[in-house]
mmCIF file of all heavy atoms, coordinates in Angstrom:
data_MODEL
# 
_entry.id   MODEL 
# 
loop_
_atom_site.group_PDB 
_atom_site.id 
_atom_site.type_symbol 
_atom_site.label_atom_id 
_atom_site.label_alt_id 
_atom_site.label_comp_id 
_atom_site.label_asym_id 
_atom_site.label_entity_id 
_atom_site.label_seq_id 
_atom_site.pdbx_PDB_ins_code 
_atom_site.Cartn_x 
_atom_site.Cartn_y 
_atom_site.Cartn_z 
_atom_site.occupancy 
_atom_site.B_iso_or_equiv 
_atom_site.pdbx_formal_charge 
_atom_site.auth_seq_id 
_atom_site.auth_comp_id 
_atom_site.auth_asym_id 
_atom_site.auth_atom_id 
_atom_site.pdbx_PDB_model_num 
ATOM 1   N N   . GLN A 1 1  ? -4.050  4.786   3.995   1.00 0.00 ? 1  GLN A N   1 
ATOM 2   C CA  . GLN A 1 1  ? -4.154  5.228   5.374   1.00 0.00 ? 1  GLN A CA  1 
ATOM 3   C C   . GLN A 1 1  ? -3.778  6.689   5.515   1.00 0.00 ? 1  GLN A C   1 
ATOM 4   O O   . GLN A 1 1  ? -4.441  7.459   6.222   1.00 0.00 ? 1  GLN A O   1 
ATOM 5   C CB  . GLN A 1 1  ? -3.269  4.364   6.275   1.00 0.00 ? 1  GLN A CB  1 
ATOM 6   C CG  . GLN A 1 1  ? -3.474  4.604   7.764   1.00 0.00 ? 1  GLN A CG  1 
ATOM 7   C CD  . GLN A 1 1  ? -4.881  4.261   8.215   1.00 0.00 ? 1  GLN A CD  1 
ATOM 8   O OE1 . GLN A 1 1  ? -5.486  3.304   7.721   1.00 0.00 ? 1  GLN A OE1 1 
ATOM 9   N NE2 . GLN A 1 1  ? -5.413  5.035   9.143   1.00 0.00 ? 1  GLN A NE2 1 
ATOM 10  N N   . ALA A 1 2  ? -2.702  7.105   4.845   1.00 0.00 ? 2  ALA A N   1 
ATOM 11  C CA  . ALA A 1 2  ? -2.272  8.501   4.923   1.00 0.00 ? 2  ALA A CA  1 
ATOM 12  C C   . ALA A 1 2  ? -3.291  9.441   4.289   1.00 0.00 ? 2  ALA A C   1 
ATOM 13  O O   . ALA A 1 2  ? -3.523  10.552  4.789   1.00 0.00 ? 2  ALA A O   1 
ATOM 14  C CB  . ALA A 1 2  ? -0.917  8.667   4.245   1.00 0.00 ? 2  ALA A CB  1 
ATOM 15  N N   . ALA A 1 3  ? -3.931  9.007   3.196   1.00 0.00 ? 3  ALA A N   1 
ATOM 16  C CA  . ALA A 1 3  ? -4.954  9.838   2.557   1.00 0.00 ? 3  ALA A CA  1 
ATOM 17  C C   . ALA A 1 3  ? -6.139  10.045  3.488   1.00 0.00 ? 3  ALA A C   1 
ATOM 18  O O   . ALA A 1 3  ? -6.756  11.122  3.504   1.00 0.00 ? 3  ALA A O   1 
ATOM 19  C CB  . ALA A 1 3  ? -5.402  9.199   1.248   1.00 0.00 ? 3  ALA A CB  1 
ATOM 20  N N   . LYS A 1 4  ? -6.448  9.020   4.271   1.00 0.00 ? 4  LYS A N   1 
ATOM 21  C CA  . LYS A 1 4  ? -7.543  9.127   5.235   1.00 0.00 ? 4  LYS A CA  1 
ATOM 22  C C   . LYS A 1 4  ? -7.172  10.062  6.383   1.00 0.00 ? 4  LYS A C   1 
ATOM 23  O O   . LYS A 1 4  ? -7.990  10.884  6.832   1.00 0.00 ? 4  LYS A O   1 
ATOM 24  C CB  . LYS A 1 4  ? -7.891  7.744   5.769   1.00 0.00 ? 4  LYS A CB  1 
ATOM 25  C CG  . LYS A 1 4  ? -8.984  7.743   6.833   1.00 0.00 ? 4  LYS A CG  1 
ATOM 26  C CD  . LYS A 1 4  ? -9.234  6.329   7.345   1.00 0.00 ? 4  LYS A CD  1 
ATOM 27  C CE  . LYS A 1 4  ? -10.293 6.333   8.447   1.00 0.00 ? 4  LYS A CE  1 
ATOM 28  N NZ  . LYS A 1 4  ? -10.521 4.966   8.989   1.00 0.00 ? 4  LYS A NZ  1 
ATOM 29  N N   . GLU A 1 5  ? -5.944  9.939   6.886   1.00 0.00 ? 5  GLU A N   1 
ATOM 30  C CA  . GLU A 1 5  ? -5.511  10.716  8.050   1.00 0.00 ? 5  GLU A CA  1 
ATOM 31  C C   . GLU A 1 5  ? -5.135  12.150  7.704   1.00 0.00 ? 5  GLU A C   1 
ATOM 32  O O   . GLU A 1 5  ? -5.223  13.038  8.548   1.00 0.00 ? 5  GLU A O   1 
ATOM 33  C CB  . GLU A 1 5  ? -4.318  10.023  8.709   1.00 0.00 ? 5  GLU A CB  1 
ATOM 34  C CG  . GLU A 1 5  ? -4.651  8.668   9.307   1.00 0.00 ? 5  GLU A CG  1 
ATOM 35  C CD  . GLU A 1 5  ? -3.434  7.955   9.863   1.00 0.00 ? 5  GLU A CD  1 
ATOM 36  O OE1 . GLU A 1 5  ? -2.302  8.466   9.666   1.00 0.00 ? 5  GLU A OE1 1 
ATOM 37  O OE2 . GLU A 1 5  ? -3.604  6.882   10.487  1.00 0.00 ? 5  GLU A OE2 1 
ATOM 38  N N   . HIS A 1 6  ? -4.701  12.397  6.466   1.00 0.00 ? 6  HIS A N   1 
ATOM 39  C CA  . HIS A 1 6  ? -4.226  13.730  6.073   1.00 0.00 ? 6  HIS A CA  1 
ATOM 40  C C   . HIS A 1 6  ? -4.860  14.165  4.753   1.00 0.00 ? 6  HIS A C   1 
ATOM 41  O O   . HIS A 1 6  ? -4.180  14.343  3.737   1.00 0.00 ? 6  HIS A O   1 
ATOM 42  C CB  . HIS A 1 6  ? -2.698  13.731  5.928   1.00 0.00 ? 6  HIS A CB  1 
ATOM 43  C CG  . HIS A 1 6  ? -1.953  13.401  7.173   1.00 0.00 ? 6  HIS A CG  1 
ATOM 44  N ND1 . HIS A 1 6  ? -1.791  14.308  8.202   1.00 0.00 ? 6  HIS A ND1 1 
ATOM 45  C CD2 . HIS A 1 6  ? -1.333  12.250  7.558   1.00 0.00 ? 6  HIS A CD2 1 
ATOM 46  C CE1 . HIS A 1 6  ? -1.088  13.737  9.167   1.00 0.00 ? 6  HIS A CE1 1 
ATOM 47  N NE2 . HIS A 1 6  ? -0.806  12.507  8.813   1.00 0.00 ? 6  HIS A NE2 1 
ATOM 48  N N   . PRO A 1 7  ? -6.170  14.372  4.740   1.00 0.00 ? 7  PRO A N   1 
ATOM 49  C CA  . PRO A 1 7  ? -6.817  14.794  3.485   1.00 0.00 ? 7  PRO A CA  1 
ATOM 50  C C   . PRO A 1 7  ? -6.304  16.142  3.001   1.00 0.00 ? 7  PRO A C   1 
ATOM 51  O O   . PRO A 1 7  ? -6.392  16.446  1.800   1.00 0.00 ? 7  PRO A O   1 
ATOM 52  C CB  . PRO A 1 7  ? -8.300  14.847  3.864   1.00 0.00 ? 7  PRO A CB  1 
ATOM 53  C CG  . PRO A 1 7  ? -8.316  15.014  5.357   1.00 0.00 ? 7  PRO A CG  1 
ATOM 54  C CD  . PRO A 1 7  ? -7.136  14.259  5.850   1.00 0.00 ? 7  PRO A CD  1 
ATOM 55  N N   . GLU A 1 8  ? -5.766  16.946  3.915   1.00 0.00 ? 8  GLU A N   1 
ATOM 56  C CA  . GLU A 1 8  ? -5.277  18.273  3.538   1.00 0.00 ? 8  GLU A CA  1 
ATOM 57  C C   . GLU A 1 8  ? -4.029  18.216  2.664   1.00 0.00 ? 8  GLU A C   1 
ATOM 58  O O   . GLU A 1 8  ? -3.679  19.219  2.000   1.00 0.00 ? 8  GLU A O   1 
ATOM 59  C CB  . GLU A 1 8  ? -4.975  19.098  4.804   1.00 0.00 ? 8  GLU A CB  1 
ATOM 60  C CG  . GLU A 1 8  ? -3.686  18.740  5.548   1.00 0.00 ? 8  GLU A CG  1 
ATOM 61  C CD  . GLU A 1 8  ? -3.796  17.484  6.410   1.00 0.00 ? 8  GLU A CD  1 
ATOM 62  O OE1 . GLU A 1 8  ? -4.888  16.873  6.428   1.00 0.00 ? 8  GLU A OE1 1 
ATOM 63  O OE2 . GLU A 1 8  ? -2.802  17.135  7.060   1.00 0.00 ? 8  GLU A OE2 1 
ATOM 64  N N   . LEU A 1 9  ? -3.349  17.078  2.621   1.00 0.00 ? 9  LEU A N   1 
ATOM 65  C CA  . LEU A 1 9  ? -2.102  16.975  1.853   1.00 0.00 ? 9  LEU A CA  1 
ATOM 66  C C   . LEU A 1 9  ? -2.343  16.782  0.362   1.00 0.00 ? 9  LEU A C   1 
ATOM 67  O O   . LEU A 1 9  ? -1.427  16.977  -0.439  1.00 0.00 ? 9  LEU A O   1 
ATOM 68  C CB  . LEU A 1 9  ? -1.245  15.818  2.381   1.00 0.00 ? 9  LEU A CB  1 
ATOM 69  C CG  . LEU A 1 9  ? -0.763  15.923  3.828   1.00 0.00 ? 9  LEU A CG  1 
ATOM 70  C CD1 . LEU A 1 9  ? 0.103   14.725  4.178   1.00 0.00 ? 9  LEU A CD1 1 
ATOM 71  C CD2 . LEU A 1 9  ? 0.000   17.224  4.055   1.00 0.00 ? 9  LEU A CD2 1 
ATOM 72  N N   . GLY A 1 10 ? -3.543  16.368  -0.009  1.00 0.00 ? 10 GLY A N   1 
ATOM 73  C CA  . GLY A 1 10 ? -3.827  16.140  -1.427  1.00 0.00 ? 10 GLY A CA  1 
ATOM 74  C C   . GLY A 1 10 ? -2.977  15.018  -2.010  1.00 0.00 ? 10 GLY A C   1 
ATOM 75  O O   . GLY A 1 10 ? -2.454  15.135  -3.120  1.00 0.00 ? 10 GLY A O   1 
ATOM 76  N N   . LEU A 1 11 ? -2.846  13.926  -1.282  1.00 0.00 ? 11 LEU A N   1 
ATOM 77  C CA  . LEU A 1 11 ? -2.039  12.802  -1.757  1.00 0.00 ? 11 LEU A CA  1 
ATOM 78  C C   . LEU A 1 11 ? -2.689  12.148  -2.964  1.00 0.00 ? 11 LEU A C   1 
ATOM 79  O O   . LEU A 1 11 ? -3.912  12.007  -3.036  1.00 0.00 ? 11 LEU A O   1 
ATOM 80  C CB  . LEU A 1 11 ? -1.862  11.769  -0.640  1.00 0.00 ? 11 LEU A CB  1 
ATOM 81  C CG  . LEU A 1 11 ? -1.059  12.228  0.581   1.00 0.00 ? 11 LEU A CG  1 
ATOM 82  C CD1 . LEU A 1 11 ? -1.124  11.173  1.671   1.00 0.00 ? 11 LEU A CD1 1 
ATOM 83  C CD2 . LEU A 1 11 ? 0.384   12.520  0.198   1.00 0.00 ? 11 LEU A CD2 1 
ATOM 84  N N   . ARG A 1 12 ? -1.867  11.733  -3.908  1.00 0.00 ? 12 ARG A N   1 
ATOM 85  C CA  . ARG A 1 12 ? -2.353  11.034  -5.091  1.00 0.00 ? 12 ARG A CA  1 
ATOM 86  C C   . ARG A 1 12 ? -1.481  9.814   -5.346  1.00 0.00 ? 12 ARG A C   1 
ATOM 87  O O   . ARG A 1 12 ? -0.265  9.857   -5.181  1.00 0.00 ? 12 ARG A O   1 
ATOM 88  C CB  . ARG A 1 12 ? -2.326  11.946  -6.323  1.00 0.00 ? 12 ARG A CB  1 
ATOM 89  C CG  . ARG A 1 12 ? -3.223  13.170  -6.219  1.00 0.00 ? 12 ARG A CG  1 
ATOM 90  C CD  . ARG A 1 12 ? -4.706  12.781  -6.161  1.00 0.00 ? 12 ARG A CD  1 
ATOM 91  N NE  . ARG A 1 12 ? -5.156  12.039  -7.317  1.00 0.00 ? 12 ARG A NE  1 
ATOM 92  C CZ  . ARG A 1 12 ? -5.636  12.607  -8.417  1.00 0.00 ? 12 ARG A CZ  1 
ATOM 93  N NH1 . ARG A 1 12 ? -5.694  13.934  -8.512  1.00 0.00 ? 12 ARG A NH1 1 
ATOM 94  N NH2 . ARG A 1 12 ? -6.046  11.860  -9.432  1.00 0.00 ? 12 ARG A NH2 1 
ATOM 95  N N   . VAL A 1 13 ? -2.113  8.747   -5.797  1.00 0.00 ? 13 VAL A N   1 
ATOM 96  C CA  . VAL A 1 13 ? -1.417  7.503   -6.113  1.00 0.00 ? 13 VAL A CA  1 
ATOM 97  C C   . VAL A 1 13 ? -1.418  7.296   -7.618  1.00 0.00 ? 13 VAL A C   1 
ATOM 98  O O   . VAL A 1 13 ? -2.418  7.556   -8.295  1.00 0.00 ? 13 VAL A O   1 
ATOM 99  C CB  . VAL A 1 13 ? -2.100  6.309   -5.411  1.00 0.00 ? 13 VAL A CB  1 
ATOM 100 C CG1 . VAL A 1 13 ? -1.727  4.994   -6.065  1.00 0.00 ? 13 VAL A CG1 1 
ATOM 101 C CG2 . VAL A 1 13 ? -1.687  6.260   -3.947  1.00 0.00 ? 13 VAL A CG2 1 
ATOM 102 N N   . ILE A 1 14 ? -0.282  6.815   -8.135  1.00 0.00 ? 14 ILE A N   1 
ATOM 103 C CA  . ILE A 1 14 ? -0.174  6.449   -9.543  1.00 0.00 ? 14 ILE A CA  1 
ATOM 104 C C   . ILE A 1 14 ? 0.220   4.979   -9.598  1.00 0.00 ? 14 ILE A C   1 
ATOM 105 O O   . ILE A 1 14 ? 1.216   4.577   -8.997  1.00 0.00 ? 14 ILE A O   1 
ATOM 106 C CB  . ILE A 1 14 ? 0.864   7.313   -10.281 1.00 0.00 ? 14 ILE A CB  1 
ATOM 107 C CG1 . ILE A 1 14 ? 0.499   8.794   -10.166 1.00 0.00 ? 14 ILE A CG1 1 
ATOM 108 C CG2 . ILE A 1 14 ? 0.955   6.896   -11.755 1.00 0.00 ? 14 ILE A CG2 1 
ATOM 109 C CD1 . ILE A 1 14 ? 1.550   9.738   -10.727 1.00 0.00 ? 14 ILE A CD1 1 
ATOM 110 N N   . TYR A 1 15 ? -0.575  4.180   -10.312 1.00 0.00 ? 15 TYR A N   1 
ATOM 111 C CA  . TYR A 1 15 ? -0.326  2.751   -10.417 1.00 0.00 ? 15 TYR A CA  1 
ATOM 112 C C   . TYR A 1 15 ? 0.514   2.474   -11.666 1.00 0.00 ? 15 TYR A C   1 
ATOM 113 O O   . TYR A 1 15 ? 0.104   2.817   -12.775 1.00 0.00 ? 15 TYR A O   1 
ATOM 114 C CB  . TYR A 1 15 ? -1.637  1.978   -10.536 1.00 0.00 ? 15 TYR A CB  1 
ATOM 115 C CG  . TYR A 1 15 ? -2.503  2.043   -9.300  1.00 0.00 ? 15 TYR A CG  1 
ATOM 116 C CD1 . TYR A 1 15 ? -3.368  3.112   -9.090  1.00 0.00 ? 15 TYR A CD1 1 
ATOM 117 C CD2 . TYR A 1 15 ? -2.450  1.035   -8.339  1.00 0.00 ? 15 TYR A CD2 1 
ATOM 118 C CE1 . TYR A 1 15 ? -4.167  3.172   -7.958  1.00 0.00 ? 15 TYR A CE1 1 
ATOM 119 C CE2 . TYR A 1 15 ? -3.252  1.090   -7.206  1.00 0.00 ? 15 TYR A CE2 1 
ATOM 120 C CZ  . TYR A 1 15 ? -4.106  2.165   -7.016  1.00 0.00 ? 15 TYR A CZ  1 
ATOM 121 O OH  . TYR A 1 15 ? -4.892  2.231   -5.896  1.00 0.00 ? 15 TYR A OH  1 
ATOM 122 N N   . PRO A 1 16 ? 1.685   1.858   -11.498 1.00 0.00 ? 16 PRO A N   1 
ATOM 123 C CA  . PRO A 1 16 ? 2.402   1.417   -12.701 1.00 0.00 ? 16 PRO A CA  1 
ATOM 124 C C   . PRO A 1 16 ? 1.563   0.383   -13.440 1.00 0.00 ? 16 PRO A C   1 
ATOM 125 O O   . PRO A 1 16 ? 0.749   -0.314  -12.834 1.00 0.00 ? 16 PRO A O   1 
ATOM 126 C CB  . PRO A 1 16 ? 3.699   0.802   -12.147 1.00 0.00 ? 16 PRO A CB  1 
ATOM 127 C CG  . PRO A 1 16 ? 3.429   0.522   -10.712 1.00 0.00 ? 16 PRO A CG  1 
ATOM 128 C CD  . PRO A 1 16 ? 2.361   1.468   -10.257 1.00 0.00 ? 16 PRO A CD  1 
ATOM 129 N N   . ASN A 1 17 ? 1.732   0.303   -14.731 1.00 0.00 ? 17 ASN A N   1 
ATOM 130 C CA  . ASN A 1 17 ? 0.922   -0.605  -15.529 1.00 0.00 ? 17 ASN A CA  1 
ATOM 131 C C   . ASN A 1 17 ? 1.838   -1.514  -16.363 1.00 0.00 ? 17 ASN A C   1 
ATOM 132 O O   . ASN A 1 17 ? 2.470   -1.047  -17.296 1.00 0.00 ? 17 ASN A O   1 
ATOM 133 C CB  . ASN A 1 17 ? 0.004   0.191   -16.461 1.00 0.00 ? 17 ASN A CB  1 
ATOM 134 C CG  . ASN A 1 17 ? -0.912  -0.713  -17.273 1.00 0.00 ? 17 ASN A CG  1 
ATOM 135 O OD1 . ASN A 1 17 ? -1.219  -1.823  -16.863 1.00 0.00 ? 17 ASN A OD1 1 
ATOM 136 N ND2 . ASN A 1 17 ? -1.331  -0.245  -18.446 1.00 0.00 ? 17 ASN A ND2 1 
ATOM 137 N N   . PRO A 1 18 ? 1.889   -2.790  -15.974 1.00 0.00 ? 18 PRO A N   1 
ATOM 138 C CA  . PRO A 1 18 ? 1.173   -3.509  -14.918 1.00 0.00 ? 18 PRO A CA  1 
ATOM 139 C C   . PRO A 1 18 ? 1.731   -3.201  -13.530 1.00 0.00 ? 18 PRO A C   1 
ATOM 140 O O   . PRO A 1 18 ? 2.795   -2.589  -13.409 1.00 0.00 ? 18 PRO A O   1 
ATOM 141 C CB  . PRO A 1 18 ? 1.390   -4.982  -15.287 1.00 0.00 ? 18 PRO A CB  1 
ATOM 142 C CG  . PRO A 1 18 ? 2.680   -4.979  -16.019 1.00 0.00 ? 18 PRO A CG  1 
ATOM 143 C CD  . PRO A 1 18 ? 2.725   -3.699  -16.791 1.00 0.00 ? 18 PRO A CD  1 
ATOM 144 N N   . THR A 1 19 ? 1.006   -3.640  -12.484 1.00 0.00 ? 19 THR A N   1 
ATOM 145 C CA  . THR A 1 19 ? 1.317   -3.260  -11.107 1.00 0.00 ? 19 THR A CA  1 
ATOM 146 C C   . THR A 1 19 ? 1.868   -4.449  -10.318 1.00 0.00 ? 19 THR A C   1 
ATOM 147 O O   . THR A 1 19 ? 1.246   -5.509  -10.292 1.00 0.00 ? 19 THR A O   1 
ATOM 148 C CB  . THR A 1 19 ? 0.045   -2.759  -10.404 1.00 0.00 ? 19 THR A CB  1 
ATOM 149 O OG1 . THR A 1 19 ? -0.536  -1.704  -11.173 1.00 0.00 ? 19 THR A OG1 1 
ATOM 150 C CG2 . THR A 1 19 ? 0.371   -2.243  -9.006  1.00 0.00 ? 19 THR A CG2 1 
ATOM 151 N N   . PRO A 1 20 ? 3.015   -4.279  -9.659  1.00 0.00 ? 20 PRO A N   1 
ATOM 152 C CA  . PRO A 1 20 ? 3.516   -5.344  -8.777  1.00 0.00 ? 20 PRO A CA  1 
ATOM 153 C C   . PRO A 1 20 ? 2.770   -5.352  -7.452  1.00 0.00 ? 20 PRO A C   1 
ATOM 154 O O   . PRO A 1 20 ? 2.206   -4.343  -7.038  1.00 0.00 ? 20 PRO A O   1 
ATOM 155 C CB  . PRO A 1 20 ? 4.996   -4.970  -8.574  1.00 0.00 ? 20 PRO A CB  1 
ATOM 156 C CG  . PRO A 1 20 ? 5.028   -3.489  -8.733  1.00 0.00 ? 20 PRO A CG  1 
ATOM 157 C CD  . PRO A 1 20 ? 3.946   -3.135  -9.730  1.00 0.00 ? 20 PRO A CD  1 
ATOM 158 N N   . PHE A 1 21 ? 2.783   -6.500  -6.786  1.00 0.00 ? 21 PHE A N   1 
ATOM 159 C CA  . PHE A 1 21 ? 2.112   -6.654  -5.494  1.00 0.00 ? 21 PHE A CA  1 
ATOM 160 C C   . PHE A 1 21 ? 3.110   -7.111  -4.432  1.00 0.00 ? 21 PHE A C   1 
ATOM 161 O O   . PHE A 1 21 ? 4.041   -7.860  -4.718  1.00 0.00 ? 21 PHE A O   1 
ATOM 162 C CB  . PHE A 1 21 ? 0.989   -7.689  -5.578  1.00 0.00 ? 21 PHE A CB  1 
ATOM 163 C CG  . PHE A 1 21 ? -0.331  -7.126  -6.001  1.00 0.00 ? 21 PHE A CG  1 
ATOM 164 C CD1 . PHE A 1 21 ? -0.527  -6.674  -7.298  1.00 0.00 ? 21 PHE A CD1 1 
ATOM 165 C CD2 . PHE A 1 21 ? -1.395  -7.036  -5.113  1.00 0.00 ? 21 PHE A CD2 1 
ATOM 166 C CE1 . PHE A 1 21 ? -1.744  -6.150  -7.699  1.00 0.00 ? 21 PHE A CE1 1 
ATOM 167 C CE2 . PHE A 1 21 ? -2.616  -6.516  -5.503  1.00 0.00 ? 21 PHE A CE2 1 
ATOM 168 C CZ  . PHE A 1 21 ? -2.792  -6.065  -6.791  1.00 0.00 ? 21 PHE A CZ  1 
ATOM 169 N N   . ALA A 1 22 ? 2.879   -6.641  -3.211  1.00 0.00 ? 22 ALA A N   1 
ATOM 170 C CA  . ALA A 1 22 ? 3.582   -7.164  -2.039  1.00 0.00 ? 22 ALA A CA  1 
ATOM 171 C C   . ALA A 1 22 ? 2.626   -8.074  -1.301  1.00 0.00 ? 22 ALA A C   1 
ATOM 172 O O   . ALA A 1 22 ? 1.484   -7.692  -1.027  1.00 0.00 ? 22 ALA A O   1 
ATOM 173 C CB  . ALA A 1 22 ? 4.034   -6.025  -1.132  1.00 0.00 ? 22 ALA A CB  1 
ATOM 174 N N   . MET A 1 23 ? 3.086   -9.281  -0.974  1.00 0.00 ? 23 MET A N   1 
ATOM 175 C CA  . MET A 1 23 ? 2.232   -10.253 -0.300  1.00 0.00 ? 23 MET A CA  1 
ATOM 176 C C   . MET A 1 23 ? 2.702   -10.457 1.132   1.00 0.00 ? 23 MET A C   1 
ATOM 177 O O   . MET A 1 23 ? 3.900   -10.473 1.407   1.00 0.00 ? 23 MET A O   1 
ATOM 178 C CB  . MET A 1 23 ? 2.242   -11.570 -1.063  1.00 0.00 ? 23 MET A CB  1 
ATOM 179 C CG  . MET A 1 23 ? 1.548   -11.469 -2.398  1.00 0.00 ? 23 MET A CG  1 
ATOM 180 S SD  . MET A 1 23 ? 1.698   -13.013 -3.322  1.00 0.00 ? 23 MET A SD  1 
ATOM 181 C CE  . MET A 1 23 ? 3.464   -13.053 -3.568  1.00 0.00 ? 23 MET A CE  1 
ATOM 182 N N   . HIS A 1 24 ? 1.737   -10.625 2.024   1.00 0.00 ? 24 HIS A N   1 
ATOM 183 C CA  . HIS A 1 24 ? 2.031   -10.743 3.447   1.00 0.00 ? 24 HIS A CA  1 
ATOM 184 C C   . HIS A 1 24 ? 1.830   -12.197 3.874   1.00 0.00 ? 24 HIS A C   1 
ATOM 185 O O   . HIS A 1 24 ? 0.717   -12.691 3.956   1.00 0.00 ? 24 HIS A O   1 
ATOM 186 C CB  . HIS A 1 24 ? 1.148   -9.782  4.244   1.00 0.00 ? 24 HIS A CB  1 
ATOM 187 C CG  . HIS A 1 24 ? 1.410   -8.355  3.887   1.00 0.00 ? 24 HIS A CG  1 
ATOM 188 N ND1 . HIS A 1 24 ? 2.504   -7.664  4.340   1.00 0.00 ? 24 HIS A ND1 1 
ATOM 189 C CD2 . HIS A 1 24 ? 0.740   -7.508  3.076   1.00 0.00 ? 24 HIS A CD2 1 
ATOM 190 C CE1 . HIS A 1 24 ? 2.493   -6.433  3.854   1.00 0.00 ? 24 HIS A CE1 1 
ATOM 191 N NE2 . HIS A 1 24 ? 1.429   -6.319  3.077   1.00 0.00 ? 24 HIS A NE2 1 
ATOM 192 N N   . ARG A 1 25 ? 2.945   -12.830 4.148   1.00 0.00 ? 25 ARG A N   1 
ATOM 193 C CA  . ARG A 1 25 ? 2.997   -14.255 4.460   1.00 0.00 ? 25 ARG A CA  1 
ATOM 194 C C   . ARG A 1 25 ? 3.276   -14.446 5.949   1.00 0.00 ? 25 ARG A C   1 
ATOM 195 O O   . ARG A 1 25 ? 3.975   -13.641 6.567   1.00 0.00 ? 25 ARG A O   1 
ATOM 196 C CB  . ARG A 1 25 ? 4.109   -14.899 3.628   1.00 0.00 ? 25 ARG A CB  1 
ATOM 197 C CG  . ARG A 1 25 ? 4.346   -16.377 3.847   1.00 0.00 ? 25 ARG A CG  1 
ATOM 198 C CD  . ARG A 1 25 ? 5.533   -16.823 2.998   1.00 0.00 ? 25 ARG A CD  1 
ATOM 199 N NE  . ARG A 1 25 ? 5.814   -18.248 3.131   1.00 0.00 ? 25 ARG A NE  1 
ATOM 200 C CZ  . ARG A 1 25 ? 6.848   -18.859 2.556   1.00 0.00 ? 25 ARG A CZ  1 
ATOM 201 N NH1 . ARG A 1 25 ? 7.695   -18.154 1.810   1.00 0.00 ? 25 ARG A NH1 1 
ATOM 202 N NH2 . ARG A 1 25 ? 7.050   -20.158 2.723   1.00 0.00 ? 25 ARG A NH2 1 
ATOM 203 N N   . ILE A 1 26 ? 2.755   -15.513 6.522   1.00 0.00 ? 26 ILE A N   1 
ATOM 204 C CA  . ILE A 1 26 ? 3.045   -15.853 7.909   1.00 0.00 ? 26 ILE A CA  1 
ATOM 205 C C   . ILE A 1 26 ? 3.241   -17.362 8.013   1.00 0.00 ? 26 ILE A C   1 
ATOM 206 O O   . ILE A 1 26 ? 2.596   -18.126 7.284   1.00 0.00 ? 26 ILE A O   1 
ATOM 207 C CB  . ILE A 1 26 ? 1.921   -15.382 8.861   1.00 0.00 ? 26 ILE A CB  1 
ATOM 208 C CG1 . ILE A 1 26 ? 2.348   -15.545 10.320  1.00 0.00 ? 26 ILE A CG1 1 
ATOM 209 C CG2 . ILE A 1 26 ? 0.607   -16.084 8.578   1.00 0.00 ? 26 ILE A CG2 1 
ATOM 210 C CD1 . ILE A 1 26 ? 1.435   -14.836 11.308  1.00 0.00 ? 26 ILE A CD1 1 
ATOM 211 N N   . CYS A 1 27 ? 4.158   -17.785 8.877   1.00 0.00 ? 27 CYS A N   1 
ATOM 212 C CA  . CYS A 1 27 ? 4.431   -19.208 8.995   1.00 0.00 ? 27 CYS A CA  1 
ATOM 213 C C   . CYS A 1 27 ? 4.837   -19.558 10.421  1.00 0.00 ? 27 CYS A C   1 
ATOM 214 O O   . CYS A 1 27 ? 5.341   -18.718 11.174  1.00 0.00 ? 27 CYS A O   1 
ATOM 215 C CB  . CYS A 1 27 ? 5.526   -19.635 8.019   1.00 0.00 ? 27 CYS A CB  1 
ATOM 216 S SG  . CYS A 1 27 ? 6.983   -18.580 8.048   1.00 0.00 ? 27 CYS A SG  1 
ATOM 217 N N   . LEU A 1 28 ? 4.606   -20.803 10.781  1.00 0.00 ? 28 LEU A N   1 
ATOM 218 C CA  . LEU A 1 28 ? 5.034   -21.342 12.066  1.00 0.00 ? 28 LEU A CA  1 
ATOM 219 C C   . LEU A 1 28 ? 6.487   -21.768 11.954  1.00 0.00 ? 28 LEU A C   1 
ATOM 220 O O   . LEU A 1 28 ? 6.872   -22.440 10.990  1.00 0.00 ? 28 LEU A O   1 
ATOM 221 C CB  . LEU A 1 28 ? 4.172   -22.545 12.432  1.00 0.00 ? 28 LEU A CB  1 
ATOM 222 C CG  . LEU A 1 28 ? 4.534   -23.259 13.737  1.00 0.00 ? 28 LEU A CG  1 
ATOM 223 C CD1 . LEU A 1 28 ? 4.051   -22.442 14.934  1.00 0.00 ? 28 LEU A CD1 1 
ATOM 224 C CD2 . LEU A 1 28 ? 3.927   -24.667 13.765  1.00 0.00 ? 28 LEU A CD2 1 
ATOM 225 N N   . LEU A 1 29 ? 7.320   -21.377 12.928  1.00 0.00 ? 29 LEU A N   1 
ATOM 226 C CA  . LEU A 1 29 ? 8.712   -21.809 12.980  1.00 0.00 ? 29 LEU A CA  1 
ATOM 227 C C   . LEU A 1 29 ? 8.818   -22.991 13.942  1.00 0.00 ? 29 LEU A C   1 
ATOM 228 O O   . LEU A 1 29 ? 8.414   -22.894 15.102  1.00 0.00 ? 29 LEU A O   1 
ATOM 229 C CB  . LEU A 1 29 ? 9.609   -20.666 13.454  1.00 0.00 ? 29 LEU A CB  1 
ATOM 230 C CG  . LEU A 1 29 ? 9.622   -19.402 12.580  1.00 0.00 ? 29 LEU A CG  1 
ATOM 231 C CD1 . LEU A 1 29 ? 10.617  -18.397 13.144  1.00 0.00 ? 29 LEU A CD1 1 
ATOM 232 C CD2 . LEU A 1 29 ? 9.947   -19.740 11.130  1.00 0.00 ? 29 LEU A CD2 1 
ATOM 233 N N   . GLU A 1 30 ? 9.364   -24.086 13.450  1.00 0.00 ? 30 GLU A N   1 
ATOM 234 C CA  . GLU A 1 30 ? 9.485   -25.280 14.270  1.00 0.00 ? 30 GLU A CA  1 
ATOM 235 C C   . GLU A 1 30 ? 10.547  -25.084 15.350  1.00 0.00 ? 30 GLU A C   1 
ATOM 236 O O   . GLU A 1 30 ? 11.556  -24.408 15.136  1.00 0.00 ? 30 GLU A O   1 
ATOM 237 C CB  . GLU A 1 30 ? 9.844   -26.490 13.408  1.00 0.00 ? 30 GLU A CB  1 
ATOM 238 C CG  . GLU A 1 30 ? 8.778   -26.863 12.391  1.00 0.00 ? 30 GLU A CG  1 
ATOM 239 C CD  . GLU A 1 30 ? 7.502   -27.384 13.038  1.00 0.00 ? 30 GLU A CD  1 
ATOM 240 O OE1 . GLU A 1 30 ? 7.492   -27.603 14.266  1.00 0.00 ? 30 GLU A OE1 1 
ATOM 241 O OE2 . GLU A 1 30 ? 6.510   -27.570 12.308  1.00 0.00 ? 30 GLU A OE2 1 
# 
């Protein structure tokens, strides 16, 4: 998102190898 909004910054991403993931979970609370 930041690379799209601020192309002038020259942002670069480096992926660790292997790469961890963050997962987005949602649940109903009783």
